[in-house]
């Protein structure tokens, strides 16, 4: 489950966050990253 808030479609930062979260999720970890107006949650 991925929830993105305040992220523009062309926002490279948001894309990077999603990429990192996806990679970490494969390791079976729960990660929460908050950067500026971009909030991304990746839950296992």
Protein backbone atom coordinates (compact mmCIF):
# COMPACT_ATOMS: atom_id res chain seq x y z
CA UNK A 1 0.00 0.00 0.00
CA UNK A 2 1.48 3.31 -1.10
CA UNK A 3 0.04 6.66 -0.11
CA UNK A 4 1.39 9.84 -1.67
CA UNK A 5 0.32 13.32 -0.65
CA UNK A 6 1.27 16.66 -2.18
CA UNK A 7 3.48 15.09 -4.83
CA UNK A 8 3.54 16.53 -8.33
CA UNK A 9 3.61 14.00 -11.22
CA UNK A 10 6.97 15.44 -12.36
CA UNK A 11 8.48 15.58 -8.89
CA UNK A 12 11.78 13.68 -9.02
CA UNK A 13 12.04 13.70 -5.22
CA UNK A 14 8.75 11.87 -4.88
CA UNK A 15 9.86 9.33 -7.50
CA UNK A 16 13.11 8.73 -5.63
CA UNK A 17 11.25 8.22 -2.36
CA UNK A 18 8.97 5.65 -3.96
CA UNK A 19 11.97 3.85 -5.47
CA UNK A 20 13.78 3.69 -2.12
CA UNK A 21 10.65 2.53 -0.31
CA UNK A 22 10.02 -0.21 -2.86
CA UNK A 23 13.59 -1.48 -2.49
CA UNK A 24 13.43 -1.44 1.32
CA UNK A 25 10.03 -3.13 1.32
CA UNK A 26 11.58 -6.10 -0.49
CA UNK A 27 13.79 -6.54 2.55
CA UNK A 28 10.67 -6.86 4.69
CA UNK A 29 11.02 -3.53 6.47
CA UNK A 30 8.52 -0.83 7.29
CA UNK A 31 9.59 2.64 6.24
CA UNK A 32 8.17 6.11 6.67
CA UNK A 33 9.73 9.02 4.83
CA UNK A 34 8.60 12.63 5.05
CA UNK A 35 10.21 15.29 2.91
CA UNK A 36 8.69 18.77 2.61
CA UNK A 37 5.14 18.48 1.30
CA UNK A 38 5.79 14.96 0.03
CA UNK A 39 4.67 12.18 2.34
CA UNK A 40 5.17 8.58 1.25
CA UNK A 41 4.27 5.51 3.27
CA UNK A 42 5.27 2.00 2.33
CA UNK A 43 3.71 -0.67 4.52
CA UNK A 44 4.57 -4.34 4.28
